[in-house]
Amino acid sequence: MGRVFRGQSTHKVDGKGRVSIPALFRRVIEASDPNWTDGLNPELVIVYGDPRRKCLECYTMDAMQEVDAKIAALPRGSNARKILQSVMHGHSHPTSIDETGRLVLPAKLREKLQLRGEALFIAAGDTFQIWNPETYAAEEAPKTEDWLQQQPEDFDPLSLLDNPEGV
């Protein structure tokens, strides 16, 4: 895995769907785009194909190449390959960050999230997610909080690194 996204922040979305990418995220996107050099716009891929997901998953070019290689390794014609090609290739939006550090979210993607004015960016390792802040606060954040509440008082989340299947 290449560089890792860290942190979260909320940014305004204008009427044309333009939104600033967090500066720290931009550095990771640049470092993870093999074609990027100073003066060029770094590229990324926004995946929106899983209808159960209430966010957009944003992949760096390096992360997307890893996914593409794993899909290509699946047997041609297999159900898994067809589904993954549909979700990851057919329902994705290749894009770039403009010279002012902004990303343009097409109307179709804004509608999927029901974005009205603000977008929440949250790190997810080698990807990051874009959420409607209200949806995240109401549905996603409570999942982690509820799960942590179910753990013993002396539970250390870092213990999951030694037993990831225990989640």
N, C-alpha and C. Protein backbone atom coordinates (compact mmCIF):
# COMPACT_ATOMS: atom_id res chain seq x y z
N MET A 1 0.84 -1.17 0.00
CA MET A 1 0.00 0.00 0.00
C MET A 1 0.89 1.23 0.00
N GLY A 2 0.49 2.23 -0.78
CA GLY A 2 1.22 3.48 -0.88
C GLY A 2 0.94 4.38 0.30
N ARG A 3 0.97 5.66 0.06
CA ARG A 3 0.69 6.63 1.10
C ARG A 3 -0.73 6.49 1.59
N VAL A 4 -0.98 6.90 2.81
CA VAL A 4 -2.27 6.70 3.46
C VAL A 4 -2.94 8.04 3.73
N PHE A 5 -4.24 8.09 3.48
CA PHE A 5 -5.03 9.27 3.83
C PHE A 5 -5.27 9.27 5.33
N ARG A 6 -5.29 10.46 5.92
CA ARG A 6 -5.57 10.59 7.35
C ARG A 6 -6.43 11.83 7.57
N GLY A 7 -7.37 11.71 8.51
CA GLY A 7 -8.16 12.85 8.92
C GLY A 7 -9.51 12.95 8.25
N GLN A 8 -10.22 14.01 8.60
CA GLN A 8 -11.52 14.30 8.01
C GLN A 8 -11.74 15.80 8.04
N SER A 9 -12.54 16.29 7.10
CA SER A 9 -12.90 17.70 7.09
C SER A 9 -14.13 17.90 6.23
N THR A 10 -14.81 18.99 6.49
CA THR A 10 -16.02 19.34 5.76
C THR A 10 -15.74 20.55 4.89
N HIS A 11 -16.23 20.48 3.63
CA HIS A 11 -15.97 21.56 2.67
C HIS A 11 -17.26 21.95 1.95
N LYS A 12 -17.34 23.21 1.58
CA LYS A 12 -18.50 23.72 0.83
C LYS A 12 -18.50 23.17 -0.59
N VAL A 13 -19.69 22.86 -1.08
CA VAL A 13 -19.90 22.45 -2.47
C VAL A 13 -20.69 23.56 -3.13
N ASP A 14 -20.16 24.11 -4.24
CA ASP A 14 -20.88 25.19 -4.90
C ASP A 14 -21.94 24.64 -5.85
N GLY A 15 -22.69 25.52 -6.47
CA GLY A 15 -23.80 25.13 -7.34
C GLY A 15 -23.38 24.32 -8.56
N LYS A 16 -22.11 24.41 -8.95
CA LYS A 16 -21.60 23.64 -10.09
C LYS A 16 -20.97 22.32 -9.65
N GLY A 17 -21.02 22.04 -8.36
CA GLY A 17 -20.47 20.79 -7.85
C GLY A 17 -18.99 20.85 -7.53
N ARG A 18 -18.42 22.04 -7.51
CA ARG A 18 -17.00 22.16 -7.19
C ARG A 18 -16.80 22.16 -5.68
N VAL A 19 -15.80 21.39 -5.25
CA VAL A 19 -15.50 21.27 -3.83
C VAL A 19 -13.99 21.16 -3.67
N SER A 20 -13.45 21.85 -2.68
CA SER A 20 -12.01 21.78 -2.41
C SER A 20 -11.66 20.46 -1.76
N ILE A 21 -10.58 19.87 -2.21
CA ILE A 21 -10.05 18.63 -1.62
C ILE A 21 -9.16 19.04 -0.45
N PRO A 22 -9.25 18.37 0.70
CA PRO A 22 -8.34 18.71 1.80
C PRO A 22 -6.88 18.67 1.33
N ALA A 23 -6.09 19.65 1.75
CA ALA A 23 -4.71 19.77 1.29
C ALA A 23 -3.90 18.50 1.54
N LEU A 24 -4.05 17.90 2.71
CA LEU A 24 -3.31 16.66 3.00
C LEU A 24 -3.73 15.53 2.05
N PHE A 25 -4.99 15.49 1.67
CA PHE A 25 -5.46 14.48 0.72
C PHE A 25 -4.82 14.72 -0.65
N ARG A 26 -4.71 15.98 -1.03
CA ARG A 26 -4.13 16.30 -2.34
C ARG A 26 -2.70 15.79 -2.44
N ARG A 27 -1.93 15.91 -1.36
CA ARG A 27 -0.54 15.44 -1.37
C ARG A 27 -0.49 13.93 -1.61
N VAL A 28 -1.40 13.18 -0.99
CA VAL A 28 -1.43 11.73 -1.18
C VAL A 28 -1.85 11.39 -2.61
N ILE A 29 -2.84 12.10 -3.13
CA ILE A 29 -3.29 11.87 -4.51
C ILE A 29 -2.15 12.13 -5.49
N GLU A 30 -1.43 13.22 -5.29
CA GLU A 30 -0.29 13.54 -6.17
C GLU A 30 0.78 12.44 -6.09
N ALA A 31 1.14 12.05 -4.87
CA ALA A 31 2.20 11.05 -4.69
C ALA A 31 1.79 9.68 -5.22
N SER A 32 0.48 9.44 -5.34
CA SER A 32 -0.02 8.13 -5.77
C SER A 32 -0.50 8.12 -7.21
N ASP A 33 -0.14 9.16 -7.96
CA ASP A 33 -0.47 9.23 -9.39
C ASP A 33 0.84 9.13 -10.16
N PRO A 34 1.12 7.96 -10.77
CA PRO A 34 2.40 7.78 -11.45
C PRO A 34 2.63 8.76 -12.61
N ASN A 35 1.59 9.37 -13.14
CA ASN A 35 1.74 10.31 -14.25
C ASN A 35 1.84 11.77 -13.80
N TRP A 36 1.68 12.02 -12.50
CA TRP A 36 1.65 13.40 -12.03
C TRP A 36 3.07 13.95 -11.91
N THR A 37 3.23 15.18 -12.34
CA THR A 37 4.42 15.97 -12.08
C THR A 37 3.95 17.39 -11.80
N ASP A 38 4.81 18.17 -11.22
CA ASP A 38 4.46 19.55 -10.88
C ASP A 38 3.92 20.26 -12.12
N GLY A 39 2.78 20.92 -11.96
CA GLY A 39 2.16 21.63 -13.06
C GLY A 39 1.03 20.85 -13.72
N LEU A 40 0.94 19.55 -13.46
CA LEU A 40 -0.16 18.75 -13.99
C LEU A 40 -1.23 18.58 -12.93
N ASN A 41 -2.44 18.25 -13.35
CA ASN A 41 -3.54 18.00 -12.41
C ASN A 41 -3.53 16.52 -12.04
N PRO A 42 -3.41 16.19 -10.73
CA PRO A 42 -3.39 14.78 -10.33
C PRO A 42 -4.76 14.13 -10.56
N GLU A 43 -4.72 12.86 -10.92
CA GLU A 43 -5.94 12.12 -11.24
C GLU A 43 -6.33 11.18 -10.11
N LEU A 44 -7.62 10.84 -10.08
CA LEU A 44 -8.17 9.88 -9.15
C LEU A 44 -9.42 9.28 -9.77
N VAL A 45 -9.97 8.26 -9.13
CA VAL A 45 -11.18 7.62 -9.62
C VAL A 45 -12.20 7.60 -8.49
N ILE A 46 -13.41 8.08 -8.79
CA ILE A 46 -14.51 8.05 -7.82
C ILE A 46 -15.41 6.87 -8.18
N VAL A 47 -15.59 5.95 -7.23
CA VAL A 47 -16.44 4.78 -7.45
C VAL A 47 -17.76 5.01 -6.71
N TYR A 48 -18.86 4.82 -7.43
CA TYR A 48 -20.19 5.06 -6.85
C TYR A 48 -21.15 3.90 -7.09
N GLY A 49 -20.66 2.77 -7.57
CA GLY A 49 -21.52 1.70 -8.08
C GLY A 49 -22.27 0.85 -7.08
N ASP A 50 -21.84 0.74 -5.85
CA ASP A 50 -22.55 -0.10 -4.89
C ASP A 50 -23.75 0.68 -4.35
N PRO A 51 -24.96 0.28 -4.72
CA PRO A 51 -26.14 1.06 -4.31
C PRO A 51 -26.38 1.05 -2.80
N ARG A 52 -25.77 0.11 -2.09
CA ARG A 52 -25.94 0.06 -0.62
C ARG A 52 -25.08 1.10 0.08
N ARG A 53 -24.03 1.57 -0.59
CA ARG A 53 -23.12 2.54 0.02
C ARG A 53 -23.70 3.93 -0.10
N LYS A 54 -23.65 4.68 0.96
CA LYS A 54 -24.19 6.04 0.96
C LYS A 54 -23.08 7.08 0.89
N CYS A 55 -21.95 6.66 0.31
CA CYS A 55 -20.83 7.56 0.13
C CYS A 55 -20.18 7.28 -1.22
N LEU A 56 -19.28 8.16 -1.61
CA LEU A 56 -18.45 7.95 -2.78
C LEU A 56 -17.09 7.50 -2.28
N GLU A 57 -16.54 6.45 -2.90
CA GLU A 57 -15.21 5.96 -2.53
C GLU A 57 -14.22 6.49 -3.56
N CYS A 58 -13.21 7.21 -3.11
CA CYS A 58 -12.26 7.84 -4.01
C CYS A 58 -10.91 7.11 -3.94
N TYR A 59 -10.46 6.64 -5.09
CA TYR A 59 -9.23 5.86 -5.20
C TYR A 59 -8.14 6.68 -5.87
N THR A 60 -6.93 6.60 -5.33
CA THR A 60 -5.79 7.15 -6.04
C THR A 60 -5.54 6.26 -7.25
N MET A 61 -4.72 6.72 -8.16
CA MET A 61 -4.41 5.91 -9.34
C MET A 61 -3.68 4.64 -8.94
N ASP A 62 -2.75 4.72 -7.97
CA ASP A 62 -2.06 3.51 -7.50
C ASP A 62 -3.04 2.51 -6.88
N ALA A 63 -3.94 3.00 -6.04
CA ALA A 63 -4.91 2.10 -5.39
C ALA A 63 -5.83 1.48 -6.43
N MET A 64 -6.24 2.25 -7.44
CA MET A 64 -7.12 1.72 -8.47
C MET A 64 -6.40 0.67 -9.31
N GLN A 65 -5.12 0.88 -9.58
CA GLN A 65 -4.35 -0.11 -10.34
C GLN A 65 -4.28 -1.43 -9.58
N GLU A 66 -4.16 -1.38 -8.25
CA GLU A 66 -4.16 -2.61 -7.44
C GLU A 66 -5.49 -3.34 -7.58
N VAL A 67 -6.59 -2.60 -7.50
CA VAL A 67 -7.92 -3.19 -7.64
C VAL A 67 -8.08 -3.78 -9.04
N ASP A 68 -7.68 -3.02 -10.05
CA ASP A 68 -7.79 -3.49 -11.44
C ASP A 68 -7.03 -4.79 -11.65
N ALA A 69 -5.84 -4.89 -11.07
CA ALA A 69 -5.03 -6.10 -11.22
C ALA A 69 -5.72 -7.30 -10.56
N LYS A 70 -6.35 -7.09 -9.42
CA LYS A 70 -7.05 -8.18 -8.74
C LYS A 70 -8.29 -8.61 -9.53
N ILE A 71 -8.99 -7.66 -10.12
CA ILE A 71 -10.15 -8.00 -10.95
C ILE A 71 -9.69 -8.78 -12.18
N ALA A 72 -8.61 -8.33 -12.81
CA ALA A 72 -8.10 -8.99 -14.01
C ALA A 72 -7.63 -10.41 -13.72
N ALA A 73 -7.24 -10.70 -12.48
CA ALA A 73 -6.77 -12.03 -12.11
C ALA A 73 -7.92 -13.03 -11.93
N LEU A 74 -9.14 -12.53 -11.81
CA LEU A 74 -10.30 -13.42 -11.67
C LEU A 74 -10.60 -14.07 -13.02
N PRO A 75 -11.18 -15.27 -13.00
CA PRO A 75 -11.49 -15.95 -14.27
C PRO A 75 -12.47 -15.13 -15.11
N ARG A 76 -12.16 -15.02 -16.41
CA ARG A 76 -13.07 -14.33 -17.33
C ARG A 76 -14.43 -15.02 -17.29
N GLY A 77 -15.47 -14.23 -17.28
CA GLY A 77 -16.82 -14.78 -17.28
C GLY A 77 -17.33 -15.17 -15.91
N SER A 78 -16.47 -15.12 -14.88
CA SER A 78 -16.94 -15.48 -13.54
C SER A 78 -17.88 -14.40 -13.01
N ASN A 79 -18.80 -14.80 -12.17
CA ASN A 79 -19.75 -13.86 -11.60
C ASN A 79 -19.03 -12.78 -10.80
N ALA A 80 -18.02 -13.17 -10.02
CA ALA A 80 -17.28 -12.19 -9.22
C ALA A 80 -16.64 -11.13 -10.11
N ARG A 81 -16.03 -11.57 -11.22
CA ARG A 81 -15.39 -10.61 -12.12
C ARG A 81 -16.42 -9.69 -12.76
N LYS A 82 -17.56 -10.22 -13.19
CA LYS A 82 -18.60 -9.40 -13.81
C LYS A 82 -19.12 -8.35 -12.84
N ILE A 83 -19.39 -8.77 -11.62
CA ILE A 83 -19.91 -7.84 -10.61
C ILE A 83 -18.88 -6.76 -10.30
N LEU A 84 -17.64 -7.16 -10.07
CA LEU A 84 -16.61 -6.18 -9.74
C LEU A 84 -16.34 -5.23 -10.91
N GLN A 85 -16.37 -5.74 -12.14
CA GLN A 85 -16.19 -4.86 -13.28
C GLN A 85 -17.33 -3.84 -13.36
N SER A 86 -18.54 -4.29 -13.08
CA SER A 86 -19.67 -3.38 -13.11
C SER A 86 -19.54 -2.29 -12.05
N VAL A 87 -19.27 -2.72 -10.81
CA VAL A 87 -19.20 -1.77 -9.69
C VAL A 87 -17.98 -0.87 -9.79
N MET A 88 -16.82 -1.46 -10.06
CA MET A 88 -15.56 -0.71 -10.00
C MET A 88 -15.19 -0.01 -11.30
N HIS A 89 -15.64 -0.53 -12.43
CA HIS A 89 -15.30 0.08 -13.72
C HIS A 89 -16.49 0.82 -14.32
N GLY A 90 -17.61 0.13 -14.42
CA GLY A 90 -18.78 0.70 -15.08
C GLY A 90 -19.44 1.81 -14.30
N HIS A 91 -19.30 1.78 -12.98
CA HIS A 91 -19.92 2.80 -12.14
C HIS A 91 -18.84 3.60 -11.40
N SER A 92 -17.93 4.13 -12.20
CA SER A 92 -16.87 4.95 -11.64
C SER A 92 -16.71 6.20 -12.49
N HIS A 93 -16.07 7.18 -11.91
CA HIS A 93 -15.89 8.47 -12.59
C HIS A 93 -14.42 8.88 -12.49
N PRO A 94 -13.64 8.64 -13.57
CA PRO A 94 -12.26 9.12 -13.57
C PRO A 94 -12.27 10.65 -13.62
N THR A 95 -11.44 11.28 -12.83
CA THR A 95 -11.43 12.74 -12.77
C THR A 95 -10.06 13.24 -12.34
N SER A 96 -9.92 14.53 -12.24
CA SER A 96 -8.67 15.12 -11.77
C SER A 96 -8.99 16.31 -10.88
N ILE A 97 -8.00 16.69 -10.12
CA ILE A 97 -8.11 17.86 -9.26
C ILE A 97 -7.59 19.05 -10.06
N ASP A 98 -8.36 20.14 -10.08
CA ASP A 98 -7.94 21.29 -10.87
C ASP A 98 -6.80 22.05 -10.18
N GLU A 99 -6.30 23.05 -10.88
CA GLU A 99 -5.14 23.81 -10.37
C GLU A 99 -5.44 24.58 -9.09
N THR A 100 -6.71 24.76 -8.74
CA THR A 100 -7.05 25.44 -7.49
C THR A 100 -7.32 24.45 -6.35
N GLY A 101 -7.10 23.14 -6.61
CA GLY A 101 -7.29 22.13 -5.57
C GLY A 101 -8.72 21.66 -5.42
N ARG A 102 -9.52 21.91 -6.47
CA ARG A 102 -10.93 21.52 -6.40
C ARG A 102 -11.23 20.32 -7.29
N LEU A 103 -12.29 19.65 -6.92
CA LEU A 103 -12.82 18.51 -7.66
C LEU A 103 -14.23 18.89 -8.07
N VAL A 104 -14.64 18.49 -9.26
CA VAL A 104 -16.01 18.73 -9.70
C VAL A 104 -16.78 17.42 -9.55
N LEU A 105 -17.82 17.46 -8.72
CA LEU A 105 -18.69 16.30 -8.54
C LEU A 105 -19.89 16.45 -9.48
N PRO A 106 -20.04 15.55 -10.46
CA PRO A 106 -21.18 15.63 -11.37
C PRO A 106 -22.51 15.57 -10.62
N ALA A 107 -23.54 16.11 -11.23
CA ALA A 107 -24.87 16.16 -10.60
C ALA A 107 -25.34 14.77 -10.16
N LYS A 108 -25.08 13.75 -10.98
CA LYS A 108 -25.51 12.39 -10.65
C LYS A 108 -24.90 11.92 -9.33
N LEU A 109 -23.65 12.26 -9.08
CA LEU A 109 -22.99 11.86 -7.83
C LEU A 109 -23.48 12.69 -6.65
N ARG A 110 -23.71 13.97 -6.89
CA ARG A 110 -24.26 14.81 -5.82
C ARG A 110 -25.65 14.33 -5.42
N GLU A 111 -26.44 13.93 -6.40
CA GLU A 111 -27.79 13.42 -6.12
C GLU A 111 -27.75 12.11 -5.34
N LYS A 112 -26.81 11.23 -5.69
CA LYS A 112 -26.68 9.96 -4.96
C LYS A 112 -26.52 10.22 -3.46
N LEU A 113 -25.72 11.23 -3.13
CA LEU A 113 -25.45 11.55 -1.72
C LEU A 113 -26.42 12.57 -1.14
N GLN A 114 -27.21 13.17 -1.99
CA GLN A 114 -28.08 14.28 -1.60
C GLN A 114 -27.25 15.41 -0.98
N LEU A 115 -26.15 15.73 -1.67
CA LEU A 115 -25.28 16.81 -1.20
C LEU A 115 -25.94 18.14 -1.47
N ARG A 116 -26.06 18.93 -0.43
CA ARG A 116 -26.65 20.26 -0.52
C ARG A 116 -25.79 21.24 0.27
N GLY A 117 -24.73 21.71 -0.32
CA GLY A 117 -23.95 22.75 0.35
C GLY A 117 -22.65 22.31 0.96
N GLU A 118 -22.57 21.12 1.54
CA GLU A 118 -21.34 20.68 2.17
C GLU A 118 -21.10 19.20 1.91
N ALA A 119 -19.80 18.84 1.91
CA ALA A 119 -19.39 17.45 1.76
C ALA A 119 -18.37 17.13 2.84
N LEU A 120 -18.50 15.95 3.42
CA LEU A 120 -17.56 15.47 4.43
C LEU A 120 -16.57 14.55 3.74
N PHE A 121 -15.29 14.84 3.90
CA PHE A 121 -14.21 13.99 3.41
C PHE A 121 -13.66 13.24 4.62
N ILE A 122 -13.56 11.92 4.51
CA ILE A 122 -13.03 11.13 5.62
C ILE A 122 -12.06 10.08 5.08
N ALA A 123 -10.90 10.01 5.71
CA ALA A 123 -9.85 9.07 5.30
C ALA A 123 -10.29 7.64 5.55
N ALA A 124 -9.85 6.76 4.63
CA ALA A 124 -10.13 5.32 4.76
C ALA A 124 -8.92 4.52 4.26
N GLY A 125 -7.75 4.84 4.80
CA GLY A 125 -6.54 4.12 4.39
C GLY A 125 -6.04 4.60 3.05
N ASP A 126 -6.04 3.69 2.05
CA ASP A 126 -5.53 4.09 0.73
C ASP A 126 -6.63 4.66 -0.16
N THR A 127 -7.80 4.89 0.43
CA THR A 127 -8.89 5.59 -0.25
C THR A 127 -9.43 6.65 0.71
N PHE A 128 -10.32 7.48 0.18
CA PHE A 128 -11.08 8.37 1.08
C PHE A 128 -12.51 8.38 0.60
N GLN A 129 -13.38 8.76 1.50
CA GLN A 129 -14.81 8.76 1.20
C GLN A 129 -15.35 10.18 1.24
N ILE A 130 -16.38 10.41 0.42
CA ILE A 130 -17.10 11.67 0.44
C ILE A 130 -18.53 11.35 0.87
N TRP A 131 -18.99 12.03 1.90
CA TRP A 131 -20.30 11.79 2.50
C TRP A 131 -21.11 13.09 2.57
N ASN A 132 -22.40 12.94 2.60
CA ASN A 132 -23.27 14.02 3.08
C ASN A 132 -23.01 14.04 4.59
N PRO A 133 -22.60 15.17 5.16
CA PRO A 133 -22.27 15.20 6.59
C PRO A 133 -23.40 14.71 7.49
N GLU A 134 -24.65 15.02 7.13
CA GLU A 134 -25.78 14.61 7.96
C GLU A 134 -25.97 13.09 7.91
N THR A 135 -25.81 12.49 6.74
CA THR A 135 -25.93 11.04 6.60
C THR A 135 -24.85 10.35 7.41
N TYR A 136 -23.62 10.84 7.33
CA TYR A 136 -22.52 10.24 8.08
C TYR A 136 -22.80 10.30 9.58
N ALA A 137 -23.20 11.48 10.05
CA ALA A 137 -23.47 11.65 11.49
C ALA A 137 -24.62 10.78 11.97
N ALA A 138 -25.63 10.60 11.14
CA ALA A 138 -26.81 9.85 11.55
C ALA A 138 -26.64 8.34 11.41
N GLU A 139 -25.87 7.90 10.40
CA GLU A 139 -25.84 6.47 10.10
C GLU A 139 -24.49 5.79 10.27
N GLU A 140 -23.43 6.42 9.84
CA GLU A 140 -22.13 5.74 9.84
C GLU A 140 -21.39 5.91 11.16
N ALA A 141 -21.27 7.12 11.67
CA ALA A 141 -20.55 7.35 12.92
C ALA A 141 -21.12 6.52 14.07
N PRO A 142 -22.44 6.40 14.19
CA PRO A 142 -22.98 5.60 15.29
C PRO A 142 -22.60 4.12 15.24
N LYS A 143 -22.32 3.58 14.06
CA LYS A 143 -21.93 2.17 13.96
C LYS A 143 -20.65 1.92 14.75
N THR A 144 -19.65 2.78 14.57
CA THR A 144 -18.40 2.63 15.30
C THR A 144 -18.62 2.85 16.79
N GLU A 145 -19.37 3.90 17.12
CA GLU A 145 -19.63 4.20 18.53
C GLU A 145 -20.36 3.04 19.21
N ASP A 146 -21.37 2.49 18.55
CA ASP A 146 -22.13 1.37 19.11
C ASP A 146 -21.24 0.15 19.31
N TRP A 147 -20.41 -0.14 18.32
CA TRP A 147 -19.53 -1.29 18.43
C TRP A 147 -18.55 -1.11 19.58
N LEU A 148 -17.96 0.08 19.70
CA LEU A 148 -17.03 0.33 20.80
C LEU A 148 -17.72 0.24 22.16
N GLN A 149 -18.98 0.67 22.24
CA GLN A 149 -19.73 0.59 23.49
C GLN A 149 -19.93 -0.86 23.93
N GLN A 150 -19.96 -1.78 22.98
CA GLN A 150 -20.16 -3.20 23.29
C GLN A 150 -18.89 -3.89 23.78
N GLN A 151 -17.75 -3.20 23.67
CA GLN A 151 -16.48 -3.80 24.06
C GLN A 151 -16.24 -3.60 25.56
N PRO A 152 -15.39 -4.46 26.15
CA PRO A 152 -15.07 -4.29 27.58
C PRO A 152 -14.43 -2.92 27.83
N GLU A 153 -14.53 -2.45 29.03
CA GLU A 153 -14.03 -1.12 29.39
C GLU A 153 -12.54 -0.97 29.12
N ASP A 154 -11.78 -2.04 29.28
CA ASP A 154 -10.33 -1.98 29.08
C ASP A 154 -9.92 -2.32 27.64
N PHE A 155 -10.88 -2.38 26.72
CA PHE A 155 -10.60 -2.73 25.33
C PHE A 155 -9.70 -1.69 24.68
N ASP A 156 -8.69 -2.17 23.98
CA ASP A 156 -7.79 -1.30 23.22
C ASP A 156 -7.99 -1.61 21.74
N PRO A 157 -8.48 -0.66 20.94
CA PRO A 157 -8.71 -0.91 19.52
C PRO A 157 -7.48 -1.41 18.78
N LEU A 158 -6.28 -1.07 19.25
CA LEU A 158 -5.07 -1.56 18.59
C LEU A 158 -4.93 -3.07 18.68
N SER A 159 -5.65 -3.69 19.61
CA SER A 159 -5.60 -5.15 19.71
C SER A 159 -6.17 -5.80 18.46
N LEU A 160 -6.98 -5.09 17.70
CA LEU A 160 -7.53 -5.63 16.47
C LEU A 160 -6.45 -5.92 15.43
N LEU A 161 -5.32 -5.24 15.55
CA LEU A 161 -4.22 -5.49 14.61
C LEU A 161 -3.68 -6.90 14.74
N ASP A 162 -3.78 -7.47 15.94
CA ASP A 162 -3.31 -8.84 16.16
C ASP A 162 -4.35 -9.89 15.83
N ASN A 163 -5.63 -9.48 15.75
CA ASN A 163 -6.71 -10.42 15.49
C ASN A 163 -7.79 -9.75 14.66
N PRO A 164 -7.51 -9.42 13.39
CA PRO A 164 -8.48 -8.68 12.60
C PRO A 164 -9.77 -9.44 12.34
N GLU A 165 -9.75 -10.77 12.41
CA GLU A 165 -10.99 -11.54 12.20
C GLU A 165 -11.92 -11.43 13.40
N GLY A 166 -11.43 -10.94 14.52
CA GLY A 166 -12.23 -10.84 15.73
C GLY A 166 -13.23 -9.71 15.71
N VAL A 167 -13.24 -8.92 14.67
CA VAL A 167 -14.14 -7.75 14.61
C VAL A 167 -15.57 -8.21 14.43
